[in-house]
């Protein structure tokens, strides 16, 4: 496919057709590697390498948030003097069927 190089500030810009971007899994803001091989300009998407420690740290953060939500729900249930794990009776609301 032919495309044109255009001036972009003091640099040159190249538009990547949508179908090529999709195939290469490149989105707006993706990091890429550009190099010269012989007389060819080679553009490759950079894939982030996963770090187990960083991924586990994110899981720990989510777990802590869920624990806080659970504690808040338990306090709310106690304040409303409901039995733990039991929701209040549903009212007969038009359009809502009891299960």
Protein backbone atom coordinates (compact mmCIF):
# COMPACT_ATOMS: atom_id res chain seq x y z
CA UNK A 1 0.00 0.00 0.00
CA UNK A 2 1.32 3.45 -0.84
CA UNK A 3 1.21 6.29 1.64
CA UNK A 4 2.95 9.67 1.92
CA UNK A 5 5.44 10.98 4.42
CA UNK A 6 4.40 14.41 5.70
CA UNK A 7 6.16 17.15 7.63
CA UNK A 8 5.26 17.14 11.32
CA UNK A 9 7.01 20.00 13.14
CA UNK A 10 10.75 19.53 12.55
CA UNK A 11 10.25 15.82 11.87
CA UNK A 12 8.49 13.68 9.30
CA UNK A 13 5.33 11.73 10.03
CA UNK A 14 3.98 8.55 8.51
CA UNK A 15 0.32 7.56 8.68
CA UNK A 16 -0.24 3.89 9.35
CA UNK A 17 -3.41 2.62 7.65
CA UNK A 18 -6.00 1.27 10.09
CA UNK A 19 -5.86 -2.26 8.69
CA UNK A 20 -2.06 -2.37 9.19
CA UNK A 21 -2.32 -0.93 12.71
CA UNK A 22 -4.95 -3.53 13.62
CA UNK A 23 -2.84 -6.37 12.20
CA UNK A 24 0.26 -5.16 14.10
CA UNK A 25 -1.84 -4.44 17.24
CA UNK A 26 -0.77 -0.79 17.31
CA UNK A 27 -3.09 1.79 18.88
CA UNK A 28 -2.86 5.52 19.46
CA UNK A 29 -0.04 6.01 21.97
CA UNK A 30 1.58 2.61 21.35
CA UNK A 31 5.36 2.47 21.70
CA UNK A 32 7.25 1.37 18.61
CA UNK A 33 10.85 0.63 17.63
CA UNK A 34 12.19 2.25 14.45
CA UNK A 35 15.45 1.18 12.86
CA UNK A 36 17.24 1.08 9.53
CA UNK A 37 18.11 -2.34 8.06
CA UNK A 38 20.10 -1.87 4.89
CA UNK A 39 18.08 0.72 2.98
CA UNK A 40 14.79 -0.23 4.64
CA UNK A 41 12.99 1.56 7.43
CA UNK A 42 11.69 -1.10 9.84
CA UNK A 43 8.93 -0.27 12.33
CA UNK A 44 8.06 -2.81 15.05
CA UNK A 45 5.60 -2.48 17.91
CA UNK A 46 7.17 -2.79 21.36
CA UNK A 47 5.46 -5.36 23.52
CA UNK A 48 5.59 -4.80 27.24
CA UNK A 49 7.16 -7.64 29.12
CA UNK A 50 5.18 -8.70 32.16
CA UNK A 51 6.81 -8.51 35.54
CA UNK A 52 5.36 -11.02 38.00
CA UNK A 53 6.07 -8.80 41.02
CA UNK A 54 4.27 -5.85 39.42
CA UNK A 55 1.26 -8.01 38.47
CA UNK A 56 1.03 -9.48 41.99
CA UNK A 57 1.23 -5.98 43.48
CA UNK A 58 -1.82 -4.99 41.40
CA UNK A 59 -3.71 -8.09 42.57
CA UNK A 60 -2.87 -7.21 46.18
CA UNK A 61 -4.22 -3.67 45.73
CA UNK A 62 -7.51 -4.98 44.27
CA UNK A 63 -7.77 -7.57 47.07
CA UNK A 64 -7.31 -4.87 49.72
CA UNK A 65 -10.01 -2.74 48.11
CA UNK A 66 -12.41 -5.70 48.04
CA UNK A 67 -11.71 -6.42 51.72
CA UNK A 68 -12.55 -2.81 52.60
CA UNK A 69 -15.80 -3.02 50.61
CA UNK A 70 -16.69 -6.27 52.38
CA UNK A 71 -16.07 -4.71 55.81
CA UNK A 72 -18.18 -1.69 54.82
CA UNK A 73 -21.03 -3.99 53.70
CA UNK A 74 -20.91 -5.92 56.97
CA UNK A 75 -21.11 -2.67 58.96
CA UNK A 76 -24.00 -1.50 56.80
CA UNK A 77 -25.86 -4.76 57.38
CA UNK A 78 -25.32 -4.52 61.14
CA UNK A 79 -26.47 -0.89 61.20
CA UNK A 80 -29.67 -1.82 59.38
CA UNK A 81 -30.14 -4.75 61.80
CA UNK A 82 -30.42 -7.26 58.98
CA UNK A 83 -29.15 -10.78 59.21
CA UNK A 84 -25.77 -11.22 57.54
CA UNK A 85 -26.14 -12.46 53.99
CA UNK A 86 -29.88 -11.71 53.80
CA UNK A 87 -31.33 -8.86 51.79
CA UNK A 88 -34.48 -7.02 52.83
CA UNK A 89 -37.80 -8.26 51.47
CA UNK A 90 -38.63 -6.97 48.00
CA UNK A 91 -41.66 -4.80 47.60
CA UNK A 92 -44.21 -5.52 44.90
CA UNK A 93 -42.97 -3.16 42.25
CA UNK A 94 -44.78 -3.05 38.91
CA UNK A 95 -42.66 -4.67 36.21
CA UNK A 96 -40.48 -6.61 38.64
CA UNK A 97 -41.28 -10.24 39.18
CA UNK A 98 -40.46 -12.05 42.42
CA UNK A 99 -38.12 -14.96 41.98
